[in-house]
């Protein structure tokens, strides 16, 4: 029994240490290495393709982002232009409503001037109950003048009577400059014709004489 065990150990040792097995081992290792290296080569070959595809995708993404940015800017500009156009159109419509009667008002101002001159020309001492015809005529002129001023005010037409006020070139038209006693230089001394403003805009400047220093 002991001799059989010794022979088995020797055979196992000879098998392990056999030259054929030793010669085959490097080939096996080389084959494994080649397989491993071949797999790595395939991965390395795939990497450039993946990098090129990623580069193309990045370029397309950049182009799309630029196009989106450009379209967004165009949209914002178009929206701003549309809003500006709407605002201007609305302002034009509002102005047309407010100042569309400007020409008509200018014509009526002449009527108001005539009524004012007519009432001023009537001697106040003659307007008595002893002269009923003149009194009735005068009262009618005054009532007509008051009523026309009410109509003017209703439509935004306001009288400008700057007597004693500081001269304003936007609302007054100076006919002359002269020293006037009791009037400060630069103030309106005489009003020859009242002016009018339509919704805050000067429709007709008041014709005035301006006091100046001695």
C-alpha atoms as a PDB file:
ATOM      1  CA  UNK A   1       0.000   0.000   0.000  1.00  0.00           C
ATOM      2  CA  UNK A   2       2.783   2.380   0.839  1.00  0.00           C
ATOM      3  CA  UNK A   3       4.591   1.613  -2.367  1.00  0.00           C
ATOM      4  CA  UNK A   4       1.437   2.382  -4.390  1.00  0.00           C
ATOM      5  CA  UNK A   5       1.133   5.828  -2.781  1.00  0.00           C
ATOM      6  CA  UNK A   6       4.738   6.601  -3.580  1.00  0.00           C
ATOM      7  CA  UNK A   7       4.201   5.701  -7.262  1.00  0.00           C
ATOM      8  CA  UNK A   8       1.098   7.922  -7.467  1.00  0.00           C
ATOM      9  CA  UNK A   9       2.955  10.892  -6.053  1.00  0.00           C
ATOM     10  CA  UNK A  10       5.797  10.430  -8.530  1.00  0.00           C
ATOM     11  CA  UNK A  11       3.368  10.213 -11.484  1.00  0.00           C
ATOM     12  CA  UNK A  12       1.596  13.402 -10.380  1.00  0.00           C
ATOM     13  CA  UNK A  13       4.899  15.214 -10.053  1.00  0.00           C
ATOM     14  CA  UNK A  14       6.040  14.057 -13.498  1.00  0.00           C
ATOM     15  CA  UNK A  15       2.739  15.195 -14.998  1.00  0.00           C
ATOM     16  CA  UNK A  16       2.973  18.622 -13.449  1.00  0.00           C
ATOM     17  CA  UNK A  17       6.580  19.057 -14.366  1.00  0.00           C
ATOM     18  CA  UNK A  18       6.252  17.627 -17.892  1.00  0.00           C
ATOM     19  CA  UNK A  19       7.905  19.718 -20.627  1.00  0.00           C
ATOM     20  CA  UNK A  20       4.812  19.458 -22.860  1.00  0.00           C
ATOM     21  CA  UNK A  21       2.623  21.059 -20.249  1.00  0.00           C
ATOM     22  CA  UNK A  22       5.201  23.714 -19.558  1.00  0.00           C
ATOM     23  CA  UNK A  23       5.489  24.432 -23.272  1.00  0.00           C
ATOM     24  CA  UNK A  24       1.715  24.686 -23.619  1.00  0.00           C
ATOM     25  CA  UNK A  25       1.300  27.056 -20.699  1.00  0.00           C
ATOM     26  CA  UNK A  26       2.964  30.104 -22.407  1.00  0.00           C
ATOM     27  CA  UNK A  27       0.773  29.552 -25.479  1.00  0.00           C
ATOM     28  CA  UNK A  28      -2.310  29.491 -23.320  1.00  0.00           C
ATOM     29  CA  UNK A  29      -1.231  32.650 -21.594  1.00  0.00           C
ATOM     30  CA  UNK A  30      -0.415  34.291 -24.918  1.00  0.00           C
ATOM     31  CA  UNK A  31      -3.808  33.310 -26.325  1.00  0.00           C
ATOM     32  CA  UNK A  32      -5.575  34.791 -23.327  1.00  0.00           C
ATOM     33  CA  UNK A  33      -3.502  37.906 -23.616  1.00  0.00           C
ATOM     34  CA  UNK A  34      -4.287  38.199 -27.329  1.00  0.00           C
ATOM     35  CA  UNK A  35      -7.972  37.772 -26.648  1.00  0.00           C
ATOM     36  CA  UNK A  36      -7.804  40.432 -24.008  1.00  0.00           C
ATOM     37  CA  UNK A  37      -5.800  42.730 -26.249  1.00  0.00           C
ATOM     38  CA  UNK A  38      -8.166  42.120 -29.144  1.00  0.00           C
ATOM     39  CA  UNK A  39     -11.159  43.125 -27.061  1.00  0.00           C
ATOM     40  CA  UNK A  40      -9.328  46.281 -26.045  1.00  0.00           C
ATOM     41  CA  UNK A  41      -8.608  47.053 -29.686  1.00  0.00           C
ATOM     42  CA  UNK A  42     -12.267  46.781 -30.535  1.00  0.00           C
ATOM     43  CA  UNK A  43     -13.118  49.158 -27.701  1.00  0.00           C
ATOM     44  CA  UNK A  44     -10.428  51.557 -28.869  1.00  0.00           C
ATOM     45  CA  UNK A  45     -11.816  51.392 -32.416  1.00  0.00           C
ATOM     46  CA  UNK A  46     -15.301  52.152 -31.140  1.00  0.00           C
ATOM     47  CA  UNK A  47     -14.173  55.137 -29.066  1.00  0.00           C
ATOM     48  CA  UNK A  48     -13.272  57.432 -32.047  1.00  0.00           C
ATOM     49  CA  UNK A  49     -16.634  56.633 -33.631  1.00  0.00           C
ATOM     50  CA  UNK A  50     -18.421  57.471 -30.398  1.00  0.00           C
ATOM     51  CA  UNK A  51     -16.414  60.687 -30.003  1.00  0.00           C
ATOM     52  CA  UNK A  52     -17.219  61.747 -33.591  1.00  0.00           C
ATOM     53  CA  UNK A  53     -20.926  61.064 -33.054  1.00  0.00           C
ATOM     54  CA  UNK A  54     -20.915  62.980 -29.795  1.00  0.00           C
ATOM     55  CA  UNK A  55     -19.132  65.868 -31.486  1.00  0.00           C
ATOM     56  CA  UNK A  56     -21.783  65.980 -34.227  1.00  0.00           C
ATOM     57  CA  UNK A  57     -24.548  65.935 -31.630  1.00  0.00           C
ATOM     58  CA  UNK A  58     -22.907  68.735 -29.656  1.00  0.00           C
ATOM     59  CA  UNK A  59     -22.568  70.836 -32.817  1.00  0.00           C
ATOM     60  CA  UNK A  60     -26.218  70.240 -33.727  1.00  0.00           C
ATOM     61  CA  UNK A  61     -27.267  71.106 -30.180  1.00  0.00           C
ATOM     62  CA  UNK A  62     -25.262  74.343 -30.332  1.00  0.00           C
ATOM     63  CA  UNK A  63     -26.814  75.272 -33.689  1.00  0.00           C
ATOM     64  CA  UNK A  64     -30.308  74.565 -32.418  1.00  0.00           C
ATOM     65  CA  UNK A  65     -29.694  76.640 -29.302  1.00  0.00           C
ATOM     66  CA  UNK A  66     -28.443  79.545 -31.442  1.00  0.00           C
ATOM     67  CA  UNK A  67     -31.467  79.263 -33.724  1.00  0.00           C
ATOM     68  CA  UNK A  68     -33.782  79.174 -30.712  1.00  0.00           C
ATOM     69  CA  UNK A  69     -32.095  82.239 -29.253  1.00  0.00           C
ATOM     70  CA  UNK A  70     -32.344  84.090 -32.568  1.00  0.00           C
ATOM     71  CA  UNK A  71     -36.023  83.199 -32.996  1.00  0.00           C
ATOM     72  CA  UNK A  72     -36.729  84.248 -29.407  1.00  0.00           C
ATOM     73  CA  UNK A  73     -35.090  87.624 -30.001  1.00  0.00           C
ATOM     74  CA  UNK A  74     -37.069  88.094 -33.225  1.00  0.00           C
ATOM     75  CA  UNK A  75     -40.263  87.182 -31.423  1.00  0.00           C
ATOM     76  CA  UNK A  76     -39.550  89.660 -28.624  1.00  0.00           C
ATOM     77  CA  UNK A  77     -38.791  92.445 -31.135  1.00  0.00           C
ATOM     78  CA  UNK A  78     -41.934  91.670 -33.120  1.00  0.00           C
ATOM     79  CA  UNK A  79     -43.975  91.649 -29.912  1.00  0.00           C
ATOM     80  CA  UNK A  80     -42.479  95.007 -28.846  1.00  0.00           C
ATOM     81  CA  UNK A  81     -43.135  96.513 -32.292  1.00  0.00           C
ATOM     82  CA  UNK A  82     -46.713  95.282 -32.198  1.00  0.00           C
ATOM     83  CA  UNK A  83     -47.227  96.758 -28.741  1.00  0.00           C
ATOM     84  CA  UNK A  84     -45.729 100.090 -29.839  1.00  0.00           C
ATOM     85  CA  UNK A  85     -47.974 100.123 -32.896  1.00  0.00           C
ATOM     86  CA  UNK A  86     -51.001  99.359 -30.752  1.00  0.00           C
ATOM     87  CA  UNK A  87     -50.070 102.141 -28.319  1.00  0.00           C
ATOM     88  CA  UNK A  88     -49.572 104.673 -31.125  1.00  0.00           C
ATOM     89  CA  UNK A  89     -52.830 103.649 -32.772  1.00  0.00           C
ATOM     90  CA  UNK A  90     -54.688 103.955 -29.494  1.00  0.00           C
ATOM     91  CA  UNK A  91     -53.173 107.393 -28.876  1.00  0.00           C
ATOM     92  CA  UNK A  92     -54.142 108.518 -32.380  1.00  0.00           C
ATOM     93  CA  UNK A  93     -57.695 107.334 -31.781  1.00  0.00           C
ATOM     94  CA  UNK A  94     -57.851 109.110 -28.426  1.00  0.00           C
ATOM     95  CA  UNK A  95     -56.455 112.307 -29.944  1.00  0.00           C
ATOM     96  CA  UNK A  96     -58.954 112.083 -32.787  1.00  0.00           C
ATOM     97  CA  UNK A  97     -61.767 111.840 -30.260  1.00  0.00           C
ATOM     98  CA  UNK A  98     -60.457 114.754 -28.209  1.00  0.00           C
ATOM     99  CA  UNK A  99     -59.277 117.095 -30.936  1.00  0.00           C
ATOM    100  CA  UNK A 100     -61.508 116.053 -33.831  1.00  0.00           C
ATOM    101  CA  UNK A 101     -63.720 119.081 -33.097  1.00  0.00           C
ATOM    102  CA  UNK A 102     -60.752 121.463 -33.144  1.00  0.00           C
ATOM    103  CA  UNK A 103     -61.686 123.093 -36.478  1.00  0.00           C
ATOM    104  CA  UNK A 104     -65.329 123.412 -35.432  1.00  0.00           C
ATOM    105  CA  UNK A 105     -64.319 124.992 -32.119  1.00  0.00           C
ATOM    106  CA  UNK A 106     -62.142 127.565 -33.875  1.00  0.00           C
ATOM    107  CA  UNK A 107     -65.123 128.659 -35.945  1.00  0.00           C
ATOM    108  CA  UNK A 108     -67.319 128.944 -32.851  1.00  0.00           C
ATOM    109  CA  UNK A 109     -64.721 131.107 -31.120  1.00  0.00           C
ATOM    110  CA  UNK A 110     -65.499 133.911 -33.522  1.00  0.00           C
ATOM    111  CA  UNK A 111     -69.146 133.720 -32.471  1.00  0.00           C
ATOM    112  CA  UNK A 112     -68.147 133.833 -28.816  1.00  0.00           C
ATOM    113  CA  UNK A 113     -65.950 136.882 -29.505  1.00  0.00           C
ATOM    114  CA  UNK A 114     -68.834 138.689 -31.163  1.00  0.00           C
ATOM    115  CA  UNK A 115     -71.147 137.953 -28.240  1.00  0.00           C
ATOM    116  CA  UNK A 116     -68.525 139.188 -25.782  1.00  0.00           C
ATOM    117  CA  UNK A 117     -67.964 142.405 -27.714  1.00  0.00           C
ATOM    118  CA  UNK A 118     -71.721 142.913 -28.006  1.00  0.00           C
ATOM    119  CA  UNK A 119     -72.288 142.648 -24.263  1.00  0.00           C
ATOM    120  CA  UNK A 120     -69.296 144.900 -23.526  1.00  0.00           C
ATOM    121  CA  UNK A 121     -70.543 147.572 -25.936  1.00  0.00           C
ATOM    122  CA  UNK A 122     -73.863 148.008 -24.167  1.00  0.00           C
ATOM    123  CA  UNK A 123     -73.755 150.929 -21.695  1.00  0.00           C
ATOM    124  CA  UNK A 124     -74.434 149.452 -18.292  1.00  0.00           C
ATOM    125  CA  UNK A 125     -76.150 152.588 -17.046  1.00  0.00           C
ATOM    126  CA  UNK A 126     -78.719 152.266 -19.813  1.00  0.00           C
ATOM    127  CA  UNK A 127     -79.663 148.726 -18.853  1.00  0.00           C
ATOM    128  CA  UNK A 128     -82.569 149.534 -16.530  1.00  0.00           C
ATOM    129  CA  UNK A 129     -86.224 148.783 -16.238  1.00  0.00           C
ATOM    130  CA  UNK A 130     -86.894 152.176 -17.761  1.00  0.00           C
ATOM    131  CA  UNK A 131     -85.406 150.855 -21.002  1.00  0.00           C
ATOM    132  CA  UNK A 132     -86.961 147.384 -21.156  1.00  0.00           C
ATOM    133  CA  UNK A 133     -86.098 146.656 -24.797  1.00  0.00           C
ATOM    134  CA  UNK A 134     -82.382 147.277 -24.275  1.00  0.00           C
ATOM    135  CA  UNK A 135     -82.467 145.408 -20.976  1.00  0.00           C
ATOM    136  CA  UNK A 136     -84.110 142.357 -22.544  1.00  0.00           C
ATOM    137  CA  UNK A 137     -81.627 142.412 -25.411  1.00  0.00           C
ATOM    138  CA  UNK A 138     -78.689 142.702 -23.053  1.00  0.00           C
ATOM    139  CA  UNK A 139     -79.961 139.909 -20.794  1.00  0.00           C
ATOM    140  CA  UNK A 140     -80.436 137.697 -23.850  1.00  0.00           C
ATOM    141  CA  UNK A 141     -76.862 138.339 -24.990  1.00  0.00           C
ATOM    142  CA  UNK A 142     -75.486 137.573 -21.537  1.00  0.00           C
ATOM    143  CA  UNK A 143     -77.513 134.370 -21.269  1.00  0.00           C
ATOM    144  CA  UNK A 144     -76.344 133.290 -24.742  1.00  0.00           C
ATOM    145  CA  UNK A 145     -72.726 133.984 -23.857  1.00  0.00           C
ATOM    146  CA  UNK A 146     -73.041 132.057 -20.592  1.00  0.00           C
ATOM    147  CA  UNK A 147     -74.662 129.131 -22.366  1.00  0.00           C
ATOM    148  CA  UNK A 148     -72.021 128.952 -25.100  1.00  0.00           C
ATOM    149  CA  UNK A 149     -69.274 128.983 -22.452  1.00  0.00           C
ATOM    150  CA  UNK A 150     -71.015 126.073 -20.723  1.00  0.00           C
ATOM    151  CA  UNK A 151     -71.034 124.152 -24.008  1.00  0.00           C
ATOM    152  CA  UNK A 152     -67.341 124.958 -24.499  1.00  0.00           C
ATOM    153  CA  UNK A 153     -66.497 123.711 -21.008  1.00  0.00           C
ATOM    154  CA  UNK A 154     -68.512 120.535 -21.548  1.00  0.00           C
ATOM    155  CA  UNK A 155     -66.354 119.683 -24.563  1.00  0.00           C
ATOM    156  CA  UNK A 156     -63.037 120.637 -22.933  1.00  0.00           C
ATOM    157  CA  UNK A 157     -62.735 124.140 -24.394  1.00  0.00           C
ATOM    158  CA  UNK A 158     -61.626 126.591 -21.696  1.00  0.00           C
ATOM    159  CA  UNK A 159     -61.183 130.348 -21.916  1.00  0.00           C
ATOM    160  CA  UNK A 160     -57.772 131.920 -21.229  1.00  0.00           C
ATOM    161  CA  UNK A 161     -57.921 135.418 -19.734  1.00  0.00           C
ATOM    162  CA  UNK A 162     -54.380 136.067 -18.431  1.00  0.00           C
ATOM    163  CA  UNK A 163     -54.869 139.644 -17.220  1.00  0.00           C
ATOM    164  CA  UNK A 164     -52.242 140.324 -14.542  1.00  0.00           C
ATOM    165  CA  UNK A 165     -50.565 136.930 -14.955  1.00  0.00           C
ATOM    166  CA  UNK A 166     -46.983 136.282 -15.962  1.00  0.00           C
ATOM    167  CA  UNK A 167     -46.476 136.151 -19.710  1.00  0.00           C
ATOM    168  CA  UNK A 168     -46.396 132.583 -21.076  1.00  0.00           C
ATOM    169  CA  UNK A 169     -45.280 132.251 -24.710  1.00  0.00           C
ATOM    170  CA  UNK A 170     -47.078 128.898 -24.978  1.00  0.00           C
ATOM    171  CA  UNK A 171     -50.456 130.428 -24.126  1.00  0.00           C
ATOM    172  CA  UNK A 172     -50.080 134.139 -24.941  1.00  0.00           C
ATOM    173  CA  UNK A 173     -49.115 136.141 -28.006  1.00  0.00           C
ATOM    174  CA  UNK A 174     -47.528 139.492 -27.233  1.00  0.00           C
ATOM    175  CA  UNK A 175     -48.711 142.325 -29.464  1.00  0.00           C
ATOM    176  CA  UNK A 176     -46.528 144.945 -27.794  1.00  0.00           C
ATOM    177  CA  UNK A 177     -44.286 145.639 -24.790  1.00  0.00           C
ATOM    178  CA  UNK A 178     -44.741 148.898 -22.924  1.00  0.00           C
ATOM    179  CA  UNK A 179     -44.202 150.262 -19.425  1.00  0.00           C
ATOM    180  CA  UNK A 180     -47.504 150.180 -17.547  1.00  0.00           C
ATOM    181  CA  UNK A 181     -47.952 151.811 -14.169  1.00  0.00           C
ATOM    182  CA  UNK A 182     -48.869 149.353 -11.429  1.00  0.00           C
ATOM    183  CA  UNK A 183     -47.838 146.322 -13.487  1.00  0.00           C
ATOM    184  CA  UNK A 184     -44.724 144.285 -12.870  1.00  0.00           C
ATOM    185  CA  UNK A 185     -42.409 143.817 -15.851  1.00  0.00           C
ATOM    186  CA  UNK A 186     -43.089 140.559 -17.682  1.00  0.00           C
ATOM    187  CA  UNK A 187     -46.765 140.393 -16.714  1.00  0.00           C
ATOM    188  CA  UNK A 188     -49.810 140.768 -18.953  1.00  0.00           C
ATOM    189  CA  UNK A 189     -51.023 144.363 -18.795  1.00  0.00           C
ATOM    190  CA  UNK A 190     -53.760 144.360 -21.437  1.00  0.00           C
ATOM    191  CA  UNK A 191     -55.812 141.540 -23.007  1.00  0.00           C
ATOM    192  CA  UNK A 192     -57.101 142.503 -26.440  1.00  0.00           C
ATOM    193  CA  UNK A 193     -58.530 139.049 -27.230  1.00  0.00           C
ATOM    194  CA  UNK A 194     -58.952 136.103 -24.876  1.00  0.00           C
ATOM    195  CA  UNK A 195     -57.455 132.756 -25.757  1.00  0.00           C
ATOM    196  CA  UNK A 196     -58.785 129.208 -25.522  1.00  0.00           C
ATOM    197  CA  UNK A 197     -57.386 125.772 -24.657  1.00  0.00           C
ATOM    198  CA  UNK A 198     -58.868 122.488 -25.882  1.00  0.00           C
ATOM    199  CA  UNK A 199     -58.221 119.624 -23.423  1.00  0.00           C
ATOM    200  CA  UNK A 200     -55.113 121.364 -22.137  1.00  0.00           C
ATOM    201  CA  UNK A 201     -53.756 122.179 -25.609  1.00  0.00           C
ATOM    202  CA  UNK A 202     -53.648 125.811 -26.656  1.00  0.00           C
ATOM    203  CA  UNK A 203     -56.196 126.235 -29.428  1.00  0.00           C
ATOM    204  CA  UNK A 204     -55.850 129.988 -29.735  1.00  0.00           C
ATOM    205  CA  UNK A 205     -53.317 132.069 -27.781  1.00  0.00           C
ATOM    206  CA  UNK A 206     -54.547 135.141 -25.989  1.00  0.00           C
ATOM    207  CA  UNK A 207     -53.516 138.409 -27.662  1.00  0.00           C
ATOM    208  CA  UNK A 208     -51.959 140.564 -24.972  1.00  0.00           C
ATOM    209  CA  UNK A 209     -49.791 143.558 -24.212  1.00  0.00           C
ATOM    210  CA  UNK A 210     -46.884 142.888 -21.867  1.00  0.00           C
ATOM    211  CA  UNK A 211     -45.590 145.335 -19.290  1.00  0.00           C
ATOM    212  CA  UNK A 212     -41.887 146.103 -19.356  1.00  0.00           C
ATOM    213  CA  UNK A 213     -39.579 147.976 -17.040  1.00  0.00           C
ATOM    214  CA  UNK A 214     -38.992 151.714 -17.437  1.00  0.00           C
END
